[in-house]
């Protein structure tokens, strides 16, 4: 059960993702029956899926699910759910009972004999950290209000574990002289890769989808699917640490799309907000702390955020307390043990 998993200690690796997924499935099944389950984590910066565990579904459906999530309009998509006050959605309610209106139902659920779908975006502090998707087969009842309440409780505990776990991913331990570059076609198949990118992917401990990291497959589906939002993504790799992906879509002479993605160690300040959220910081405390990490004085921060110097200190106190530090230098050392202060900029 999720309640039996301890919050990870910064010096330890924390719960294995598979332990989290297994605990969530066990807790869900105590009060809610389901024929299939998909649970996993997302990049809190972009919302892209980076891990997925499926039960009651063929592994081969993962790539199709990724394409459906990012490549076609539909109901209860994770990025939409994550922006709702209550990030929980029944497909039957969203479609007013006309399930055939859903691309996901027509192309994935119905062919697999599934009818009822309950989705939850695991949201904390304005970011989506993961998801739960439960389905039931044709001929079974839809999820009840009581069952949805139970699922929401499990989701809240799973979200807490996911947020805490990011602080166990190393920052700054990986050095690379330049970014690696990967070229993919419109289907997300790698057609060219340089030596740096190949080395990073070979050493990566990230979950794979058709031989490439799952987050790269979702990134490709997002960009080639016409999503013109943020073209950057963070990959919290358990082996290499935090990686930064930057993508762009190129159009060939024949009209075909080509996706080019660079991959490199993530800048510490890009990761810092999520390390702070994992220690209970509020969005305002994060805004203040990031400016401290950039070397700004209290007076400069107060002017920049249009608050008083006293308020600046009020926002810093809980962060300093959570990290057990007493100075700005200790703050940097606590968040980034392998990085020297001058390396942040």
Protein backbone atom coordinates (compact mmCIF):
# COMPACT_ATOMS: atom_id res chain seq x y z
CA UNK A 1 0.00 0.00 0.00
CA UNK A 2 1.13 3.55 -0.66
CA UNK A 3 0.85 4.50 3.00
CA UNK A 4 3.48 1.86 3.80
CA UNK A 5 6.07 3.45 1.50
CA UNK A 6 8.27 5.97 3.27
CA UNK A 7 9.03 9.37 1.81
CA UNK A 8 12.45 9.10 0.18
CA UNK A 9 15.48 10.38 2.04
CA UNK A 10 17.61 12.76 -0.04
CA UNK A 11 20.61 10.47 0.41
CA UNK A 12 18.71 7.38 -0.74
CA UNK A 13 17.26 6.24 -4.05
CA UNK A 14 13.67 6.36 -2.82
CA UNK A 15 10.90 3.95 -3.79
CA UNK A 16 11.34 2.21 -7.09
CA UNK A 17 8.68 3.35 -9.59
CA UNK A 18 7.51 -0.24 -10.01
CA UNK A 19 6.95 -0.43 -6.24
CA UNK A 20 4.85 2.73 -6.44
CA UNK A 21 2.75 1.38 -9.31
CA UNK A 22 2.25 -1.97 -7.58
CA UNK A 23 1.26 -0.28 -4.32
CA UNK A 24 -1.21 1.98 -6.14
CA UNK A 25 -2.77 -0.98 -7.97
CA UNK A 26 -3.11 -2.93 -4.73
CA UNK A 27 -4.76 -0.02 -2.92
CA UNK A 28 -7.12 0.69 -5.80
CA UNK A 29 -8.25 -2.93 -6.02
CA UNK A 30 -9.43 -2.99 -2.40
CA UNK A 31 -12.56 -1.00 -3.33
CA UNK A 32 -12.58 -0.58 -7.09
CA UNK A 33 -12.74 -3.31 -9.71
CA UNK A 34 -11.15 -2.69 -13.10
CA UNK A 35 -10.22 -4.72 -16.16
CA UNK A 36 -7.24 -2.62 -17.16
CA UNK A 37 -4.98 -0.10 -15.48
CA UNK A 38 -2.37 2.30 -16.79
CA UNK A 39 -0.35 4.27 -14.25
CA UNK A 40 2.83 6.26 -14.57
CA UNK A 41 4.72 9.51 -14.18
CA UNK A 42 5.00 12.63 -16.30
CA UNK A 43 7.62 15.32 -16.69
CA UNK A 44 6.36 18.05 -14.32
CA UNK A 45 7.74 20.74 -16.63
CA UNK A 46 5.96 19.71 -19.84
CA UNK A 47 3.44 17.09 -18.70
CA UNK A 48 4.90 14.53 -21.11
CA UNK A 49 4.54 10.88 -20.10
CA UNK A 50 7.92 9.38 -19.17
CA UNK A 51 6.92 6.10 -17.48
CA UNK A 52 3.96 3.80 -17.90
CA UNK A 53 2.91 0.52 -16.35
CA UNK A 54 -0.02 -1.30 -17.91
CA UNK A 55 -2.08 -4.17 -16.54
CA UNK A 56 -4.79 -5.95 -18.50
CA UNK A 57 -3.53 -4.38 -21.73
CA UNK A 58 -1.02 -5.56 -24.33
CA UNK A 59 2.30 -3.74 -24.16
CA UNK A 60 1.97 -3.13 -27.89
CA UNK A 61 -0.84 -0.64 -27.26
CA UNK A 62 1.52 1.79 -25.50
CA UNK A 63 2.75 3.49 -28.68
CA UNK A 64 -0.84 3.78 -29.98
CA UNK A 65 -1.92 5.30 -26.66
CA UNK A 66 0.91 7.85 -26.83
CA UNK A 67 -0.07 8.87 -30.36
CA UNK A 68 -3.71 9.18 -29.35
CA UNK A 69 -2.84 11.27 -26.31
CA UNK A 70 -0.78 13.83 -28.20
CA UNK A 71 -1.81 13.47 -31.82
CA UNK A 72 -5.60 13.75 -32.01
CA UNK A 73 -8.31 15.90 -30.36
CA UNK A 74 -10.16 14.03 -27.63
CA UNK A 75 -11.90 14.22 -24.28
CA UNK A 76 -10.21 14.16 -20.85
CA UNK A 77 -6.67 14.47 -22.13
CA UNK A 78 -4.13 14.64 -19.34
CA UNK A 79 -2.99 18.20 -20.06
CA UNK A 80 -6.63 19.36 -19.97
CA UNK A 81 -7.47 17.41 -16.81
CA UNK A 82 -4.38 18.83 -15.10
CA UNK A 83 -5.81 22.36 -15.48
CA UNK A 84 -9.16 21.51 -13.89
CA UNK A 85 -10.06 22.17 -10.27
CA UNK A 86 -10.78 18.46 -9.87
CA UNK A 87 -8.46 16.62 -12.29
CA UNK A 88 -10.67 13.54 -12.55
CA UNK A 89 -12.72 12.60 -15.60
CA UNK A 90 -15.18 9.90 -16.68
CA UNK A 91 -15.27 9.40 -20.42
CA UNK A 92 -19.01 8.73 -20.32
CA UNK A 93 -19.65 12.09 -18.65
CA UNK A 94 -17.31 14.02 -20.93
CA UNK A 95 -19.00 12.63 -24.05
CA UNK A 96 -22.53 12.82 -22.59
CA UNK A 97 -22.81 9.08 -23.05
CA UNK A 98 -21.82 9.16 -26.74
CA UNK A 99 -18.53 7.30 -26.40
CA UNK A 100 -18.10 7.07 -30.17
CA UNK A 101 -17.24 10.80 -30.13
CA UNK A 102 -13.94 9.88 -28.50
CA UNK A 103 -11.00 9.05 -30.78
CA UNK A 104 -9.41 7.07 -27.95
CA UNK A 105 -12.55 4.97 -27.48
CA UNK A 106 -12.93 4.22 -31.20
CA UNK A 107 -9.28 3.35 -31.86
CA UNK A 108 -8.05 1.80 -28.60
CA UNK A 109 -10.71 1.01 -26.00
CA UNK A 110 -13.47 -0.48 -28.13
CA UNK A 111 -11.13 -2.77 -30.14
CA UNK A 112 -9.84 -4.11 -26.80
CA UNK A 113 -13.37 -4.75 -25.51
CA UNK A 114 -13.25 -1.87 -23.02
CA UNK A 115 -16.05 0.63 -22.50
CA UNK A 116 -15.79 2.64 -19.26
CA UNK A 117 -12.78 4.85 -18.59
CA UNK A 118 -11.80 6.85 -15.49
CA UNK A 119 -8.80 9.17 -15.76
CA UNK A 120 -6.93 11.11 -13.08
CA UNK A 121 -4.12 13.61 -13.57
CA UNK A 122 -1.81 13.59 -10.55
CA UNK A 123 -1.44 17.31 -9.90
CA UNK A 124 0.46 19.17 -7.20
CA UNK A 125 1.48 22.84 -7.06
CA UNK A 126 0.28 23.51 -10.58
CA UNK A 127 2.26 20.72 -12.26
CA UNK A 128 1.20 17.28 -13.46
CA UNK A 129 3.44 14.57 -11.99
CA UNK A 130 1.66 11.45 -13.23
CA UNK A 131 -1.63 9.82 -14.10
CA UNK A 132 -4.03 6.94 -13.43
CA UNK A 133 -6.30 5.41 -16.06
CA UNK A 134 -8.76 2.67 -15.09
CA UNK A 135 -11.03 0.90 -17.59
CA UNK A 136 -13.86 -1.61 -17.45
CA UNK A 137 -15.07 -4.01 -20.10
CA UNK A 138 -18.26 -3.97 -22.12
CA UNK A 139 -21.21 -5.27 -20.11
CA UNK A 140 -19.98 -3.91 -16.76
CA UNK A 141 -21.27 -0.86 -14.85
CA UNK A 142 -19.55 2.51 -15.04
CA UNK A 143 -17.47 3.79 -12.11
CA UNK A 144 -19.66 5.02 -9.23
CA UNK A 145 -19.28 8.22 -7.22
CA UNK A 146 -18.03 6.22 -4.21
CA UNK A 147 -15.43 4.47 -6.36
CA UNK A 148 -14.26 7.78 -7.84
CA UNK A 149 -13.83 9.15 -4.31
CA UNK A 150 -11.62 6.19 -3.42
CA UNK A 151 -9.57 6.60 -6.59
CA UNK A 152 -9.05 10.28 -5.80
CA UNK A 153 -7.71 9.38 -2.36
CA UNK A 154 -5.25 6.88 -3.83
CA UNK A 155 -4.25 9.44 -6.46
CA UNK A 156 -3.48 12.04 -3.79
CA UNK A 157 -1.16 9.65 -1.94
CA UNK A 158 0.53 8.56 -5.16
CA UNK A 159 1.06 12.19 -6.17
CA UNK A 160 2.77 12.88 -2.84
CA UNK A 161 5.17 9.99 -3.44
CA UNK A 162 5.95 11.12 -6.98
CA UNK A 163 6.67 14.70 -5.90
CA UNK A 164 8.98 13.53 -3.13
CA UNK A 165 10.81 11.11 -5.39
CA UNK A 166 12.18 13.75 -7.78
CA UNK A 167 14.67 14.89 -5.18
CA UNK A 168 16.43 11.51 -5.45
CA UNK A 169 17.34 12.15 -9.12
CA UNK A 170 20.93 13.46 -9.26
CA UNK A 171 21.66 16.93 -10.64
CA UNK A 172 24.94 18.04 -12.15
CA UNK A 173 26.72 14.69 -12.04
CA UNK A 174 26.74 14.26 -15.81
CA UNK A 175 29.14 16.22 -17.97
CA UNK A 176 28.81 16.58 -21.74
CA UNK A 177 30.90 18.77 -24.03
CA UNK A 178 27.92 19.33 -26.33
CA UNK A 179 24.33 18.32 -26.83
CA UNK A 180 23.53 15.09 -28.62
CA UNK A 181 21.21 15.25 -31.62
CA UNK A 182 18.55 12.76 -32.70
CA UNK A 183 16.46 12.85 -35.88
CA UNK A 184 13.11 11.05 -36.00
CA UNK A 185 10.46 10.65 -38.67
CA UNK A 186 6.79 11.55 -38.21
CA UNK A 187 6.13 8.13 -36.64
CA UNK A 188 8.78 8.68 -33.98
CA UNK A 189 11.26 6.24 -35.52
CA UNK A 190 14.93 7.26 -35.19
CA UNK A 191 16.53 7.69 -38.60
CA UNK A 192 19.74 9.46 -37.56
CA UNK A 193 21.64 9.94 -34.30
CA UNK A 194 25.06 11.34 -33.40
CA UNK A 195 27.59 9.68 -31.11
CA UNK A 196 26.82 11.88 -28.08
CA UNK A 197 23.10 11.14 -28.20
CA UNK A 198 23.73 7.44 -28.81
CA UNK A 199 26.01 7.29 -25.76
CA UNK A 200 23.40 9.03 -23.58
CA UNK A 201 20.59 6.76 -24.76
CA UNK A 202 22.71 3.62 -24.32
CA UNK A 203 23.51 4.62 -20.73
CA UNK A 204 20.03 5.84 -19.90
CA UNK A 205 17.91 3.95 -17.38
CA UNK A 206 14.66 5.49 -18.66
CA UNK A 207 11.76 3.27 -19.67
CA UNK A 208 11.85 2.32 -23.35
CA UNK A 209 9.13 2.36 -25.99
CA UNK A 210 10.23 0.74 -29.25
CA UNK A 211 13.90 1.06 -28.33
CA UNK A 212 13.84 4.78 -27.43
CA UNK A 213 13.01 6.44 -24.09
CA UNK A 214 9.26 6.67 -23.63
CA UNK A 215 9.47 10.42 -23.00
CA UNK A 216 11.18 10.82 -26.38
CA UNK A 217 8.35 8.89 -28.04
CA UNK A 218 5.77 11.13 -26.34
CA UNK A 219 7.80 14.22 -27.25
CA UNK A 220 7.81 13.15 -30.90
CA UNK A 221 4.06 12.48 -30.84
CA UNK A 222 3.40 15.88 -29.28
CA UNK A 223 5.44 17.88 -31.77
CA UNK A 224 4.45 15.99 -34.92
CA UNK A 225 0.83 16.04 -33.72
CA UNK A 226 0.70 19.80 -34.14
CA UNK A 227 1.18 20.87 -30.51
CA UNK A 228 3.05 24.18 -30.72
CA UNK A 229 3.44 24.65 -26.97
CA UNK A 230 6.67 24.26 -25.01
CA UNK A 231 9.20 22.42 -27.17
CA UNK A 232 11.36 21.49 -24.21
CA UNK A 233 11.03 18.60 -21.79
CA UNK A 234 12.84 17.32 -18.71
CA UNK A 235 13.73 13.66 -18.35
CA UNK A 236 14.47 12.57 -14.76
CA UNK A 237 16.71 9.69 -15.70
CA UNK A 238 17.46 7.38 -12.73
CA UNK A 239 20.92 6.58 -14.10
CA UNK A 240 22.16 9.80 -15.70
CA UNK A 241 20.25 12.40 -13.72
CA UNK A 242 18.14 15.20 -15.17
CA UNK A 243 18.30 15.57 -18.94
CA UNK A 244 16.91 18.40 -21.07
CA UNK A 245 15.29 17.73 -24.44
CA UNK A 246 14.80 20.50 -27.02
CA UNK A 247 12.78 19.74 -30.12
CA UNK A 248 11.96 21.27 -33.47
CA UNK A 249 9.92 20.08 -36.44
CA UNK A 250 11.34 20.42 -39.95
CA UNK A 251 9.38 20.02 -43.18
CA UNK A 252 11.16 18.16 -46.00
CA UNK A 253 10.82 18.97 -49.70
CA UNK A 254 8.32 16.15 -50.04
CA UNK A 255 6.16 17.63 -47.28
CA UNK A 256 7.06 15.02 -44.67
CA UNK A 257 7.78 16.06 -41.09
CA UNK A 258 11.13 15.40 -39.46
CA UNK A 259 11.70 15.90 -35.77
CA UNK A 260 15.11 16.96 -34.48
CA UNK A 261 15.74 16.62 -30.75
CA UNK A 262 18.80 17.70 -28.81
CA UNK A 263 19.57 15.98 -25.52
CA UNK A 264 21.95 17.23 -22.84
CA UNK A 265 22.34 17.51 -19.05
CA UNK A 266 19.65 19.83 -17.69
CA UNK A 267 20.81 23.19 -16.27
CA UNK A 268 20.45 23.12 -12.47
CA UNK A 269 18.20 26.19 -12.39
CA UNK A 270 15.80 24.47 -14.79
CA UNK A 271 15.41 21.59 -12.32
CA UNK A 272 15.41 23.69 -9.15
CA UNK A 273 11.64 24.46 -9.01
CA UNK A 274 10.78 20.75 -8.84
CA UNK A 275 13.42 20.01 -6.21
CA UNK A 276 11.89 22.81 -4.12
CA UNK A 277 8.32 21.61 -4.66
CA UNK A 278 9.48 18.18 -3.48
CA UNK A 279 10.39 19.80 -0.17
CA UNK A 280 7.02 21.49 0.28
CA UNK A 281 7.80 24.94 -1.12
CA UNK A 282 4.94 27.10 -2.35
CA UNK A 283 5.00 28.67 -5.83
CA UNK A 284 5.83 32.06 -4.30
CA UNK A 285 8.65 30.61 -2.20
CA UNK A 286 10.00 28.96 -5.35
CA UNK A 287 9.93 32.26 -7.22
CA UNK A 288 11.93 33.93 -4.44
CA UNK A 289 14.38 31.03 -4.04
CA UNK A 290 15.12 30.87 -7.76
CA UNK A 291 16.17 34.50 -7.66
CA UNK A 292 18.43 33.76 -4.70
CA UNK A 293 20.03 30.95 -6.70
CA UNK A 294 20.61 33.40 -9.56
CA UNK A 295 22.59 35.59 -7.15
CA UNK A 296 20.07 38.37 -6.60
CA UNK A 297 20.07 40.28 -3.31
CA UNK A 298 17.00 40.63 -1.10
CA UNK A 299 16.60 44.22 -2.29
CA UNK A 300 16.75 43.16 -5.93
CA UNK A 301 14.26 40.34 -5.34
CA UNK A 302 11.88 42.68 -3.54
CA UNK A 303 12.00 45.16 -6.41
CA UNK A 304 11.65 42.46 -9.06
CA UNK A 305 8.61 40.83 -7.40
CA UNK A 306 7.19 44.09 -6.03
CA UNK A 307 7.18 42.88 -2.44
CA UNK A 308 8.95 44.08 0.70
CA UNK A 309 12.31 42.78 1.88
CA UNK A 310 10.52 41.42 4.93
CA UNK A 311 8.23 39.39 2.70
CA UNK A 312 11.24 38.05 0.81
CA UNK A 313 12.62 36.69 4.09
CA UNK A 314 9.21 35.27 5.03
CA UNK A 315 9.21 33.23 1.82
CA UNK A 316 12.79 32.04 2.34
CA UNK A 317 12.41 30.94 5.97
CA UNK A 318 10.34 27.77 5.29
CA UNK A 319 12.70 26.78 2.46
CA UNK A 320 15.76 27.20 4.67
CA UNK A 321 13.99 25.25 7.42
CA UNK A 322 12.99 22.39 5.12
CA UNK A 323 16.57 22.06 3.89
CA UNK A 324 18.11 22.62 7.35
CA UNK A 325 20.36 25.41 6.06
CA UNK A 326 21.22 28.85 7.40
CA UNK A 327 22.80 30.65 4.45
CA UNK A 328 22.47 31.05 0.72
CA UNK A 329 25.68 29.12 0.13
CA UNK A 330 24.34 26.24 2.21
CA UNK A 331 21.10 26.43 0.21
CA UNK A 332 23.00 25.81 -3.03
CA UNK A 333 25.04 22.99 -1.48
CA UNK A 334 21.93 21.30 -0.16
CA UNK A 335 20.00 21.42 -3.45
CA UNK A 336 23.02 20.69 -5.66
CA UNK A 337 25.67 18.77 -3.67
CA UNK A 338 27.90 18.14 -6.71
CA UNK A 339 27.72 21.69 -8.09
CA UNK A 340 29.79 24.73 -7.08
CA UNK A 341 27.93 28.05 -6.74
CA UNK A 342 29.63 29.62 -9.78
CA UNK A 343 28.51 26.66 -11.93
CA UNK A 344 24.84 27.63 -11.57
CA UNK A 345 25.17 30.54 -13.98
